[in-house]
Protein backbone atom coordinates (compact mmCIF):
# COMPACT_ATOMS: atom_id res chain seq x y z
CA UNK A 1 0.00 0.00 0.00
CA UNK A 2 2.76 2.47 0.94
CA UNK A 3 4.69 1.63 -2.22
CA UNK A 4 1.64 2.49 -4.33
CA UNK A 5 1.28 5.84 -2.54
CA UNK A 6 4.93 6.64 -3.15
CA UNK A 7 4.55 5.73 -6.83
CA UNK A 8 1.60 8.14 -7.05
CA UNK A 9 3.79 10.92 -5.62
CA UNK A 10 6.27 10.26 -8.43
CA UNK A 11 3.67 10.70 -11.21
CA UNK A 12 4.20 13.84 -13.27
CA UNK A 13 2.61 16.00 -15.92
CA UNK A 14 4.68 17.55 -18.70
CA UNK A 15 4.46 21.34 -18.86
CA UNK A 16 4.57 23.25 -22.16
CA UNK A 17 8.32 23.77 -21.76
CA UNK A 18 8.93 20.03 -21.32
CA UNK A 19 9.56 20.21 -17.57
CA UNK A 20 7.81 17.44 -15.64
CA UNK A 21 5.91 18.59 -12.55
CA UNK A 22 4.59 16.20 -9.88
CA UNK A 23 0.81 15.90 -10.08
CA UNK A 24 0.49 15.37 -6.32
CA UNK A 25 1.29 18.43 -4.24
CA UNK A 26 1.29 19.25 -0.55
CA UNK A 27 -1.44 21.81 0.16
CA UNK A 28 -0.63 24.38 2.81
CA UNK A 29 -4.14 25.62 3.52
CA UNK A 30 -5.95 22.81 5.38
CA UNK A 31 -3.70 19.75 5.16
CA UNK A 32 -1.52 20.88 8.04
CA UNK A 33 -4.46 21.31 10.44
CA UNK A 34 -4.32 17.59 11.19
CA UNK A 35 -0.78 18.04 12.48
CA UNK A 36 -1.70 21.15 14.49
CA UNK A 37 -4.13 18.96 16.43
CA UNK A 38 -1.11 16.84 17.36
CA UNK A 39 0.94 19.85 18.49
CA UNK A 40 2.74 20.39 15.18
CA UNK A 41 3.01 23.58 13.13
CA UNK A 42 2.80 24.30 9.40
CA UNK A 43 6.58 24.56 9.45
CA UNK A 44 6.79 21.04 10.91
CA UNK A 45 4.29 19.77 8.35
CA UNK A 46 6.31 21.22 5.47
CA UNK A 47 9.53 19.73 6.84
CA UNK A 48 7.85 16.32 6.99
CA UNK A 49 6.32 16.71 3.51
CA UNK A 50 9.65 17.64 1.92
CA UNK A 51 11.52 14.89 3.78
CA UNK A 52 9.00 12.27 2.64
CA UNK A 53 9.30 13.19 -1.01
CA UNK A 54 6.87 15.98 -1.83
CA UNK A 55 8.40 18.25 -4.46
CA UNK A 56 5.23 20.20 -5.30
CA UNK A 57 4.05 22.64 -2.64
CA UNK A 58 0.79 24.55 -3.08
CA UNK A 59 0.21 27.88 -1.37
CA UNK A 60 -1.56 31.19 -1.99
CA UNK A 61 -1.35 34.85 -1.05
CA UNK A 62 -4.67 34.65 0.81
CA UNK A 63 -3.41 31.80 3.04
CA UNK A 64 -0.96 34.31 4.58
CA UNK A 65 1.64 31.58 5.03
CA UNK A 66 4.02 32.13 2.13
CA UNK A 67 6.75 33.26 4.55
CA UNK A 68 6.54 29.94 6.42
CA UNK A 69 6.60 28.05 3.11
CA UNK A 70 9.64 30.03 1.98
CA UNK A 71 11.50 29.36 5.23
CA UNK A 72 10.79 25.62 5.06
CA UNK A 73 11.88 25.43 1.43
CA UNK A 74 15.08 27.33 2.23
CA UNK A 75 15.88 25.00 5.15
CA UNK A 76 15.35 21.98 2.91
CA UNK A 77 17.52 23.41 0.13
CA UNK A 78 20.24 24.30 2.65
CA UNK A 79 20.25 20.66 3.78
CA UNK A 80 21.44 19.69 0.29
CA UNK A 81 18.69 17.10 -0.17
CA UNK A 82 17.32 18.80 -3.29
CA UNK A 83 18.10 21.56 -5.75
CA UNK A 84 15.77 24.51 -6.30
CA UNK A 85 14.97 23.29 -9.81
CA UNK A 86 13.63 20.05 -8.28
CA UNK A 87 10.87 21.90 -6.40
CA UNK A 88 7.60 23.37 -7.63
CA UNK A 89 6.18 26.10 -5.42
CA UNK A 90 2.72 26.83 -6.80
CA UNK A 91 0.93 29.94 -5.60
CA UNK A 92 -2.09 32.01 -6.47
CA UNK A 93 -1.85 35.78 -6.28
CA UNK A 94 -4.41 38.26 -5.08
CA UNK A 95 -6.66 39.54 -7.82
CA UNK A 96 -8.23 42.94 -8.15
CA UNK A 97 -11.90 43.48 -8.91
PDB file of N, CA and C in Angstrom:
ATOM      1  N   UNK A   1       0.823  -1.193   0.000  1.00  0.00           N
ATOM      2  CA  UNK A   1       0.000   0.000   0.000  1.00  0.00           C
ATOM      3  C   UNK A   1       0.869   1.260   0.000  1.00  0.00           C
ATOM      4  N   UNK A   2       1.878   1.310   0.876  1.00  0.00           N
ATOM      5  CA  UNK A   2       2.758   2.473   0.942  1.00  0.00           C
ATOM      6  C   UNK A   2       3.524   2.642  -0.365  1.00  0.00           C
ATOM      7  N   UNK A   3       3.961   1.544  -0.949  1.00  0.00           N
ATOM      8  CA  UNK A   3       4.691   1.625  -2.217  1.00  0.00           C
ATOM      9  C   UNK A   3       3.829   2.255  -3.300  1.00  0.00           C
ATOM     10  N   UNK A   4       2.548   1.923  -3.333  1.00  0.00           N
ATOM     11  CA  UNK A   4       1.643   2.492  -4.328  1.00  0.00           C
ATOM     12  C   UNK A   4       1.491   3.996  -4.098  1.00  0.00           C
ATOM     13  N   UNK A   5       1.398   4.411  -2.847  1.00  0.00           N
ATOM     14  CA  UNK A   5       1.279   5.840  -2.544  1.00  0.00           C
ATOM     15  C   UNK A   5       2.532   6.593  -2.991  1.00  0.00           C
ATOM     16  N   UNK A   6       3.687   6.003  -2.738  1.00  0.00           N
ATOM     17  CA  UNK A   6       4.934   6.641  -3.154  1.00  0.00           C
ATOM     18  C   UNK A   6       4.993   6.738  -4.672  1.00  0.00           C
ATOM     19  N   UNK A   7       4.582   5.697  -5.362  1.00  0.00           N
ATOM     20  CA  UNK A   7       4.546   5.726  -6.829  1.00  0.00           C
ATOM     21  C   UNK A   7       3.645   6.852  -7.315  1.00  0.00           C
ATOM     22  N   UNK A   8       2.498   7.055  -6.663  1.00  0.00           N
ATOM     23  CA  UNK A   8       1.596   8.136  -7.052  1.00  0.00           C
ATOM     24  C   UNK A   8       2.261   9.497  -6.879  1.00  0.00           C
ATOM     25  N   UNK A   9       3.087   9.658  -5.840  1.00  0.00           N
ATOM     26  CA  UNK A   9       3.790  10.916  -5.621  1.00  0.00           C
ATOM     27  C   UNK A   9       4.805  11.173  -6.728  1.00  0.00           C
ATOM     28  N   UNK A  10       5.271  10.124  -7.378  1.00  0.00           N
ATOM     29  CA  UNK A  10       6.271  10.259  -8.434  1.00  0.00           C
ATOM     30  C   UNK A  10       5.649  10.552  -9.795  1.00  0.00           C
ATOM     31  N   UNK A  11       4.325  10.437  -9.923  1.00  0.00           N
ATOM     32  CA  UNK A  11       3.671  10.704 -11.209  1.00  0.00           C
ATOM     33  C   UNK A  11       3.787  12.180 -11.551  1.00  0.00           C
ATOM     34  N   UNK A  12       3.990  12.467 -12.832  1.00  0.00           N
ATOM     35  CA  UNK A  12       4.202  13.843 -13.268  1.00  0.00           C
ATOM     36  C   UNK A  12       3.313  14.197 -14.452  1.00  0.00           C
ATOM     37  N   UNK A  13       3.266  15.483 -14.723  1.00  0.00           N
ATOM     38  CA  UNK A  13       2.615  16.001 -15.923  1.00  0.00           C
ATOM     39  C   UNK A  13       3.647  16.879 -16.625  1.00  0.00           C
ATOM     40  N   UNK A  14       3.721  16.751 -17.939  1.00  0.00           N
ATOM     41  CA  UNK A  14       4.677  17.554 -18.703  1.00  0.00           C
ATOM     42  C   UNK A  14       4.098  18.943 -18.956  1.00  0.00           C
ATOM     43  N   UNK A  15       4.853  19.961 -18.595  1.00  0.00           N
ATOM     44  CA  UNK A  15       4.457  21.336 -18.856  1.00  0.00           C
ATOM     45  C   UNK A  15       4.804  21.690 -20.305  1.00  0.00           C
ATOM     46  N   UNK A  16       4.338  22.830 -20.773  1.00  0.00           N
ATOM     47  CA  UNK A  16       4.574  23.245 -22.161  1.00  0.00           C
ATOM     48  C   UNK A  16       6.054  23.356 -22.502  1.00  0.00           C
ATOM     49  N   UNK A  17       6.888  23.640 -21.512  1.00  0.00           N
ATOM     50  CA  UNK A  17       8.322  23.767 -21.759  1.00  0.00           C
ATOM     51  C   UNK A  17       9.064  22.439 -21.626  1.00  0.00           C
ATOM     52  N   UNK A  18       8.318  21.354 -21.419  1.00  0.00           N
ATOM     53  CA  UNK A  18       8.927  20.032 -21.316  1.00  0.00           C
ATOM     54  C   UNK A  18       9.289  19.610 -19.901  1.00  0.00           C
ATOM     55  N   UNK A  19       9.254  20.534 -18.964  1.00  0.00           N
ATOM     56  CA  UNK A  19       9.558  20.209 -17.570  1.00  0.00           C
ATOM     57  C   UNK A  19       8.436  19.343 -17.015  1.00  0.00           C
ATOM     58  N   UNK A  20       8.805  18.327 -16.242  1.00  0.00           N
ATOM     59  CA  UNK A  20       7.811  17.436 -15.644  1.00  0.00           C
ATOM     60  C   UNK A  20       7.567  17.845 -14.196  1.00  0.00           C
ATOM     61  N   UNK A  21       6.306  18.148 -13.890  1.00  0.00           N
ATOM     62  CA  UNK A  21       5.908  18.585 -12.553  1.00  0.00           C
ATOM     63  C   UNK A  21       5.102  17.480 -11.873  1.00  0.00           C
ATOM     64  N   UNK A  22       5.392  17.200 -10.600  1.00  0.00           N
ATOM     65  CA  UNK A  22       4.594  16.199  -9.883  1.00  0.00           C
ATOM     66  C   UNK A  22       3.117  16.584  -9.864  1.00  0.00           C
ATOM     67  N   UNK A  23       2.243  15.593 -10.081  1.00  0.00           N
ATOM     68  CA  UNK A  23       0.808  15.900 -10.079  1.00  0.00           C
ATOM     69  C   UNK A  23       0.236  15.949  -8.667  1.00  0.00           C
ATOM     70  N   UNK A  24       0.929  15.350  -7.716  1.00  0.00           N
ATOM     71  CA  UNK A  24       0.488  15.374  -6.320  1.00  0.00           C
ATOM     72  C   UNK A  24       1.308  16.428  -5.588  1.00  0.00           C
ATOM     73  N   UNK A  25       0.614  17.386  -4.985  1.00  0.00           N
ATOM     74  CA  UNK A  25       1.293  18.431  -4.239  1.00  0.00           C
ATOM     75  C   UNK A  25       0.837  18.456  -2.792  1.00  0.00           C
ATOM     76  N   UNK A  26       1.641  19.085  -1.955  1.00  0.00           N
ATOM     77  CA  UNK A  26       1.291  19.253  -0.551  1.00  0.00           C
ATOM     78  C   UNK A  26       0.602  20.600  -0.395  1.00  0.00           C
ATOM     79  N   UNK A  27      -0.661  20.584  -0.023  1.00  0.00           N
ATOM     80  CA  UNK A  27      -1.436  21.811   0.157  1.00  0.00           C
ATOM     81  C   UNK A  27      -1.190  22.420   1.519  1.00  0.00           C
ATOM     82  N   UNK A  28      -0.965  23.719   1.543  1.00  0.00           N
ATOM     83  CA  UNK A  28      -0.629  24.383   2.807  1.00  0.00           C
ATOM     84  C   UNK A  28      -1.810  25.087   3.461  1.00  0.00           C
ATOM     85  N   UNK A  29      -2.998  24.937   2.918  1.00  0.00           N
ATOM     86  CA  UNK A  29      -4.141  25.616   3.523  1.00  0.00           C
ATOM     87  C   UNK A  29      -4.747  24.787   4.643  1.00  0.00           C
ATOM     88  N   UNK A  30      -5.278  23.618   4.357  1.00  0.00           N
ATOM     89  CA  UNK A  30      -5.951  22.808   5.375  1.00  0.00           C
ATOM     90  C   UNK A  30      -5.207  21.534   5.759  1.00  0.00           C
ATOM     91  N   UNK A  31      -4.350  21.039   4.901  1.00  0.00           N
ATOM     92  CA  UNK A  31      -3.704  19.749   5.164  1.00  0.00           C
ATOM     93  C   UNK A  31      -2.934  19.736   6.476  1.00  0.00           C
ATOM     94  N   UNK A  32      -2.341  20.842   6.833  1.00  0.00           N
ATOM     95  CA  UNK A  32      -1.517  20.882   8.036  1.00  0.00           C
ATOM     96  C   UNK A  32      -2.331  20.930   9.318  1.00  0.00           C
ATOM     97  N   UNK A  33      -3.625  21.216   9.240  1.00  0.00           N
ATOM     98  CA  UNK A  33      -4.464  21.305  10.442  1.00  0.00           C
ATOM     99  C   UNK A  33      -4.446  19.990  11.223  1.00  0.00           C
ATOM    100  N   UNK A  34      -4.385  18.884  10.511  1.00  0.00           N
ATOM    101  CA  UNK A  34      -4.316  17.587  11.189  1.00  0.00           C
ATOM    102  C   UNK A  34      -3.098  17.502  12.091  1.00  0.00           C
ATOM    103  N   UNK A  35      -1.981  18.056  11.649  1.00  0.00           N
ATOM    104  CA  UNK A  35      -0.781  18.039  12.477  1.00  0.00           C
ATOM    105  C   UNK A  35      -0.873  19.030  13.627  1.00  0.00           C
ATOM    106  N   UNK A  36      -1.532  20.157  13.421  1.00  0.00           N
ATOM    107  CA  UNK A  36      -1.697  21.145  14.489  1.00  0.00           C
ATOM    108  C   UNK A  36      -2.421  20.509  15.667  1.00  0.00           C
ATOM    109  N   UNK A  37      -3.391  19.661  15.370  1.00  0.00           N
ATOM    110  CA  UNK A  37      -4.128  18.961  16.426  1.00  0.00           C
ATOM    111  C   UNK A  37      -3.208  18.060  17.243  1.00  0.00           C
ATOM    112  N   UNK A  38      -2.079  17.689  16.661  1.00  0.00           N
ATOM    113  CA  UNK A  38      -1.112  16.843  17.361  1.00  0.00           C
ATOM    114  C   UNK A  38       0.065  17.668  17.885  1.00  0.00           C
ATOM    115  N   UNK A  39      -0.106  18.991  17.953  1.00  0.00           N
ATOM    116  CA  UNK A  39       0.938  19.850  18.492  1.00  0.00           C
ATOM    117  C   UNK A  39       2.016  20.232  17.493  1.00  0.00           C
ATOM    118  N   UNK A  40       1.763  20.053  16.217  1.00  0.00           N
ATOM    119  CA  UNK A  40       2.738  20.393  15.183  1.00  0.00           C
ATOM    120  C   UNK A  40       2.340  21.707  14.518  1.00  0.00           C
ATOM    121  N   UNK A  41       3.280  22.324  13.828  1.00  0.00           N
ATOM    122  CA  UNK A  41       3.014  23.581  13.129  1.00  0.00           C
ATOM    123  C   UNK A  41       3.063  23.361  11.621  1.00  0.00           C
ATOM    124  N   UNK A  42       2.686  24.381  10.857  1.00  0.00           N
ATOM    125  CA  UNK A  42       2.804  24.301   9.404  1.00  0.00           C
ATOM    126  C   UNK A  42       4.258  24.089   9.013  1.00  0.00           C
ATOM    127  N   UNK A  43       5.154  24.734   9.720  1.00  0.00           N
ATOM    128  CA  UNK A  43       6.579  24.565   9.448  1.00  0.00           C
ATOM    129  C   UNK A  43       6.990  23.099   9.612  1.00  0.00           C
ATOM    130  N   UNK A  44       6.520  22.467  10.692  1.00  0.00           N
ATOM    131  CA  UNK A  44       6.791  21.037  10.912  1.00  0.00           C
ATOM    132  C   UNK A  44       6.204  20.201   9.784  1.00  0.00           C
ATOM    133  N   UNK A  45       4.974  20.532   9.396  1.00  0.00           N
ATOM    134  CA  UNK A  45       4.293  19.775   8.346  1.00  0.00           C
ATOM    135  C   UNK A  45       5.052  19.869   7.028  1.00  0.00           C
ATOM    136  N   UNK A  46       5.543  21.054   6.706  1.00  0.00           N
ATOM    137  CA  UNK A  46       6.314  21.225   5.475  1.00  0.00           C
ATOM    138  C   UNK A  46       7.629  20.462   5.535  1.00  0.00           C
ATOM    139  N   UNK A  47       8.292  20.504   6.685  1.00  0.00           N
ATOM    140  CA  UNK A  47       9.533  19.732   6.842  1.00  0.00           C
ATOM    141  C   UNK A  47       9.276  18.252   6.588  1.00  0.00           C
ATOM    142  N   UNK A  48       8.203  17.735   7.164  1.00  0.00           N
ATOM    143  CA  UNK A  48       7.849  16.322   6.988  1.00  0.00           C
ATOM    144  C   UNK A  48       7.509  16.039   5.532  1.00  0.00           C
ATOM    145  N   UNK A  49       6.718  16.912   4.912  1.00  0.00           N
ATOM    146  CA  UNK A  49       6.322  16.713   3.512  1.00  0.00           C
ATOM    147  C   UNK A  49       7.545  16.664   2.600  1.00  0.00           C
ATOM    148  N   UNK A  50       8.453  17.608   2.758  1.00  0.00           N
ATOM    149  CA  UNK A  50       9.649  17.636   1.917  1.00  0.00           C
ATOM    150  C   UNK A  50      10.544  16.432   2.181  1.00  0.00           C
ATOM    151  N   UNK A  51      10.691  16.053   3.436  1.00  0.00           N
ATOM    152  CA  UNK A  51      11.517  14.888   3.783  1.00  0.00           C
ATOM    153  C   UNK A  51      10.944  13.589   3.227  1.00  0.00           C
ATOM    154  N   UNK A  52       9.622  13.512   3.116  1.00  0.00           N
ATOM    155  CA  UNK A  52       9.000  12.269   2.640  1.00  0.00           C
ATOM    156  C   UNK A  52       8.817  12.232   1.131  1.00  0.00           C
ATOM    157  N   UNK A  53       9.287  13.271   0.438  1.00  0.00           N
ATOM    158  CA  UNK A  53       9.298  13.190  -1.015  1.00  0.00           C
ATOM    159  C   UNK A  53       8.440  14.165  -1.782  1.00  0.00           C
ATOM    160  N   UNK A  54       7.647  14.972  -1.095  1.00  0.00           N
ATOM    161  CA  UNK A  54       6.873  15.978  -1.832  1.00  0.00           C
ATOM    162  C   UNK A  54       7.837  16.968  -2.477  1.00  0.00           C
ATOM    163  N   UNK A  55       7.593  17.258  -3.752  1.00  0.00           N
ATOM    164  CA  UNK A  55       8.397  18.252  -4.463  1.00  0.00           C
ATOM    165  C   UNK A  55       7.512  19.324  -5.087  1.00  0.00           C
ATOM    166  N   UNK A  56       6.226  19.252  -4.804  1.00  0.00           N
ATOM    167  CA  UNK A  56       5.228  20.200  -5.304  1.00  0.00           C
ATOM    168  C   UNK A  56       4.497  20.726  -4.068  1.00  0.00           C
ATOM    169  N   UNK A  57       4.675  22.004  -3.795  1.00  0.00           N
ATOM    170  CA  UNK A  57       4.053  22.642  -2.635  1.00  0.00           C
ATOM    171  C   UNK A  57       3.060  23.680  -3.150  1.00  0.00           C
ATOM    172  N   UNK A  58       1.840  23.625  -2.657  1.00  0.00           N
ATOM    173  CA  UNK A  58       0.788  24.548  -3.084  1.00  0.00           C
ATOM    174  C   UNK A  58       0.499  25.549  -1.972  1.00  0.00           C
ATOM    175  N   UNK A  59       0.506  26.825  -2.327  1.00  0.00           N
ATOM    176  CA  UNK A  59       0.211  27.881  -1.369  1.00  0.00           C
ATOM    177  C   UNK A  59      -0.560  28.991  -2.084  1.00  0.00           C
ATOM    178  N   UNK A  60      -0.870  30.057  -1.377  1.00  0.00           N
ATOM    179  CA  UNK A  60      -1.564  31.194  -1.986  1.00  0.00           C
ATOM    180  C   UNK A  60      -1.381  32.431  -1.117  1.00  0.00           C
ATOM    181  N   UNK A  61      -1.450  33.565  -1.745  1.00  0.00           N
ATOM    182  CA  UNK A  61      -1.354  34.847  -1.049  1.00  0.00           C
ATOM    183  C   UNK A  61      -2.381  34.932   0.082  1.00  0.00           C
ATOM    184  N   UNK A  62      -3.604  34.510  -0.189  1.00  0.00           N
ATOM    185  CA  UNK A  62      -4.675  34.647   0.807  1.00  0.00           C
ATOM    186  C   UNK A  62      -4.506  33.710   2.001  1.00  0.00           C
ATOM    187  N   UNK A  63      -3.650  32.687   1.895  1.00  0.00           N
ATOM    188  CA  UNK A  63      -3.409  31.802   3.039  1.00  0.00           C
ATOM    189  C   UNK A  63      -2.547  32.499   4.090  1.00  0.00           C
ATOM    190  N   UNK A  64      -1.847  33.553   3.688  1.00  0.00           N
ATOM    191  CA  UNK A  64      -0.959  34.308   4.576  1.00  0.00           C
ATOM    192  C   UNK A  64       0.092  33.420   5.239  1.00  0.00           C
ATOM    193  N   UNK A  65       0.612  32.466   4.470  1.00  0.00           N
ATOM    194  CA  UNK A  65       1.638  31.582   5.030  1.00  0.00           C
ATOM    195  C   UNK A  65       2.836  31.419   4.099  1.00  0.00           C
ATOM    196  N   UNK A  66       2.934  32.273   3.096  1.00  0.00           N
ATOM    197  CA  UNK A  66       4.021  32.127   2.133  1.00  0.00           C
ATOM    198  C   UNK A  66       5.394  32.317   2.777  1.00  0.00           C
ATOM    199  N   UNK A  67       5.479  33.102   3.857  1.00  0.00           N
ATOM    200  CA  UNK A  67       6.754  33.258   4.551  1.00  0.00           C
ATOM    201  C   UNK A  67       7.185  31.951   5.202  1.00  0.00           C
ATOM    202  N   UNK A  68       6.246  31.238   5.793  1.00  0.00           N
ATOM    203  CA  UNK A  68       6.545  29.945   6.420  1.00  0.00           C
ATOM    204  C   UNK A  68       6.960  28.935   5.352  1.00  0.00           C
ATOM    205  N   UNK A  69       6.255  28.941   4.229  1.00  0.00           N
ATOM    206  CA  UNK A  69       6.602  28.050   3.115  1.00  0.00           C
ATOM    207  C   UNK A  69       8.018  28.359   2.637  1.00  0.00           C
ATOM    208  N   UNK A  70       8.307  29.636   2.442  1.00  0.00           N
ATOM    209  CA  UNK A  70       9.638  30.030   1.982  1.00  0.00           C
ATOM    210  C   UNK A  70      10.735  29.604   2.938  1.00  0.00           C
ATOM    211  N   UNK A  71      10.502  29.770   4.234  1.00  0.00           N
ATOM    212  CA  UNK A  71      11.497  29.365   5.233  1.00  0.00           C
ATOM    213  C   UNK A  71      11.730  27.857   5.200  1.00  0.00           C
ATOM    214  N   UNK A  72      10.656  27.083   5.091  1.00  0.00           N
ATOM    215  CA  UNK A  72      10.786  25.619   5.059  1.00  0.00           C
ATOM    216  C   UNK A  72      11.527  25.169   3.806  1.00  0.00           C
ATOM    217  N   UNK A  73      11.195  25.773   2.682  1.00  0.00           N
ATOM    218  CA  UNK A  73      11.881  25.430   1.428  1.00  0.00           C
ATOM    219  C   UNK A  73      13.363  25.771   1.544  1.00  0.00           C
ATOM    220  N   UNK A  74      13.678  26.934   2.085  1.00  0.00           N
ATOM    221  CA  UNK A  74      15.080  27.333   2.231  1.00  0.00           C
ATOM    222  C   UNK A  74      15.841  26.372   3.140  1.00  0.00           C
ATOM    223  N   UNK A  75      15.230  25.969   4.252  1.00  0.00           N
ATOM    224  CA  UNK A  75      15.877  24.999   5.151  1.00  0.00           C
ATOM    225  C   UNK A  75      16.177  23.703   4.405  1.00  0.00           C
ATOM    226  N   UNK A  76      15.186  23.238   3.636  1.00  0.00           N
ATOM    227  CA  UNK A  76      15.347  21.981   2.906  1.00  0.00           C
ATOM    228  C   UNK A  76      16.450  22.108   1.854  1.00  0.00           C
ATOM    229  N   UNK A  77      16.467  23.206   1.136  1.00  0.00           N
ATOM    230  CA  UNK A  77      17.519  23.405   0.133  1.00  0.00           C
ATOM    231  C   UNK A  77      18.889  23.504   0.791  1.00  0.00           C
ATOM    232  N   UNK A  78      18.971  24.179   1.925  1.00  0.00           N
ATOM    233  CA  UNK A  78      20.239  24.297   2.648  1.00  0.00           C
ATOM    234  C   UNK A  78      20.750  22.950   3.138  1.00  0.00           C
ATOM    235  N   UNK A  79      19.839  21.998   3.330  1.00  0.00           N
ATOM    236  CA  UNK A  79      20.249  20.659   3.779  1.00  0.00           C
ATOM    237  C   UNK A  79      20.946  19.882   2.664  1.00  0.00           C
ATOM    238  N   UNK A  80      20.810  20.359   1.427  1.00  0.00           N
ATOM    239  CA  UNK A  80      21.443  19.688   0.295  1.00  0.00           C
ATOM    240  C   UNK A  80      20.683  18.484  -0.233  1.00  0.00           C
ATOM    241  N   UNK A  81      19.458  18.274   0.236  1.00  0.00           N
ATOM    242  CA  UNK A  81      18.685  17.096  -0.170  1.00  0.00           C
ATOM    243  C   UNK A  81      17.961  17.284  -1.493  1.00  0.00           C
ATOM    244  N   UNK A  82      17.943  18.514  -1.996  1.00  0.00           N
ATOM    245  CA  UNK A  82      17.319  18.798  -3.294  1.00  0.00           C
ATOM    246  C   UNK A  82      17.888  20.105  -3.820  1.00  0.00           C
ATOM    247  N   UNK A  83      17.728  20.298  -5.109  1.00  0.00           N
ATOM    248  CA  UNK A  83      18.097  21.561  -5.747  1.00  0.00           C
ATOM    249  C   UNK A  83      16.812  22.356  -5.970  1.00  0.00           C
ATOM    250  N   UNK A  84      16.950  23.661  -6.106  1.00  0.00           N
ATOM    251  CA  UNK A  84      15.770  24.505  -6.302  1.00  0.00           C
ATOM    252  C   UNK A  84      14.976  24.080  -7.522  1.00  0.00           C
ATOM    253  N   UNK A  85      15.669  23.684  -8.582  1.00  0.00           N
ATOM    254  CA  UNK A  85      14.972  23.287  -9.806  1.00  0.00           C
ATOM    255  C   UNK A  85      14.191  21.981  -9.652  1.00  0.00           C
ATOM    256  N   UNK A  86      14.382  21.279  -8.546  1.00  0.00           N
ATOM    257  CA  UNK A  86      13.626  20.047  -8.278  1.00  0.00           C
ATOM    258  C   UNK A  86      12.271  20.337  -7.633  1.00  0.00           C
ATOM    259  N   UNK A  87      12.079  21.558  -7.150  1.00  0.00           N
ATOM    260  CA  UNK A  87      10.872  21.904  -6.396  1.00  0.00           C
ATOM    261  C   UNK A  87       9.926  22.775  -7.216  1.00  0.00           C
ATOM    262  N   UNK A  88       8.639  22.571  -7.000  1.00  0.00           N
ATOM    263  CA  UNK A  88       7.598  23.373  -7.632  1.00  0.00           C
ATOM    264  C   UNK A  88       6.786  24.032  -6.526  1.00  0.00           C
ATOM    265  N   UNK A  89       6.925  25.342  -6.409  1.00  0.00           N
ATOM    266  CA  UNK A  89       6.177  26.097  -5.417  1.00  0.00           C
ATOM    267  C   UNK A  89       5.069  26.812  -6.191  1.00  0.00           C
ATOM    268  N   UNK A  90       3.856  26.335  -6.029  1.00  0.00           N
ATOM    269  CA  UNK A  90       2.722  26.834  -6.801  1.00  0.00           C
ATOM    270  C   UNK A  90       1.907  27.763  -5.910  1.00  0.00           C
ATOM    271  N   UNK A  91       1.670  28.970  -6.388  1.00  0.00           N
ATOM    272  CA  UNK A  91       0.930  29.945  -5.604  1.00  0.00           C
ATOM    273  C   UNK A  91      -0.128  30.627  -6.463  1.00  0.00           C
ATOM    274  N   UNK A  92      -1.066  31.220  -5.807  1.00  0.00           N
ATOM    275  CA  UNK A  92      -2.094  32.013  -6.471  1.00  0.00           C
ATOM    276  C   UNK A  92      -1.976  33.424  -5.909  1.00  0.00           C
ATOM    277  N   UNK A  93      -1.988  34.406  -6.771  1.00  0.00           N
ATOM    278  CA  UNK A  93      -1.846  35.775  -6.283  1.00  0.00           C
ATOM    279  C   UNK A  93      -3.211  36.422  -6.078  1.00  0.00           C
ATOM    280  N   UNK A  94      -3.184  37.503  -5.341  1.00  0.00           N
ATOM    281  CA  UNK A  94      -4.406  38.261  -5.075  1.00  0.00           C
ATOM    282  C   UNK A  94      -4.865  38.918  -6.377  1.00  0.00           C
ATOM    283  N   UNK A  95      -6.134  38.890  -6.612  1.00  0.00           N
ATOM    284  CA  UNK A  95      -6.658  39.539  -7.815  1.00  0.00           C
ATOM    285  C   UNK A  95      -7.402  40.808  -7.428  1.00  0.00           C
ATOM    286  N   UNK A  96      -7.501  41.696  -8.385  1.00  0.00           N
ATOM    287  CA  UNK A  96      -8.226  42.942  -8.154  1.00  0.00           C
ATOM    288  C   UNK A  96      -9.547  42.895  -8.894  1.00  0.00           C
ATOM    289  N   UNK A  97     -10.572  43.459  -8.276  1.00  0.00           N
ATOM    290  CA  UNK A  97     -11.898  43.478  -8.910  1.00  0.00           C
ATOM    291  C   UNK A  97     -12.006  44.624  -9.890  1.00  0.00           C
TER     292      UNK A  97
END
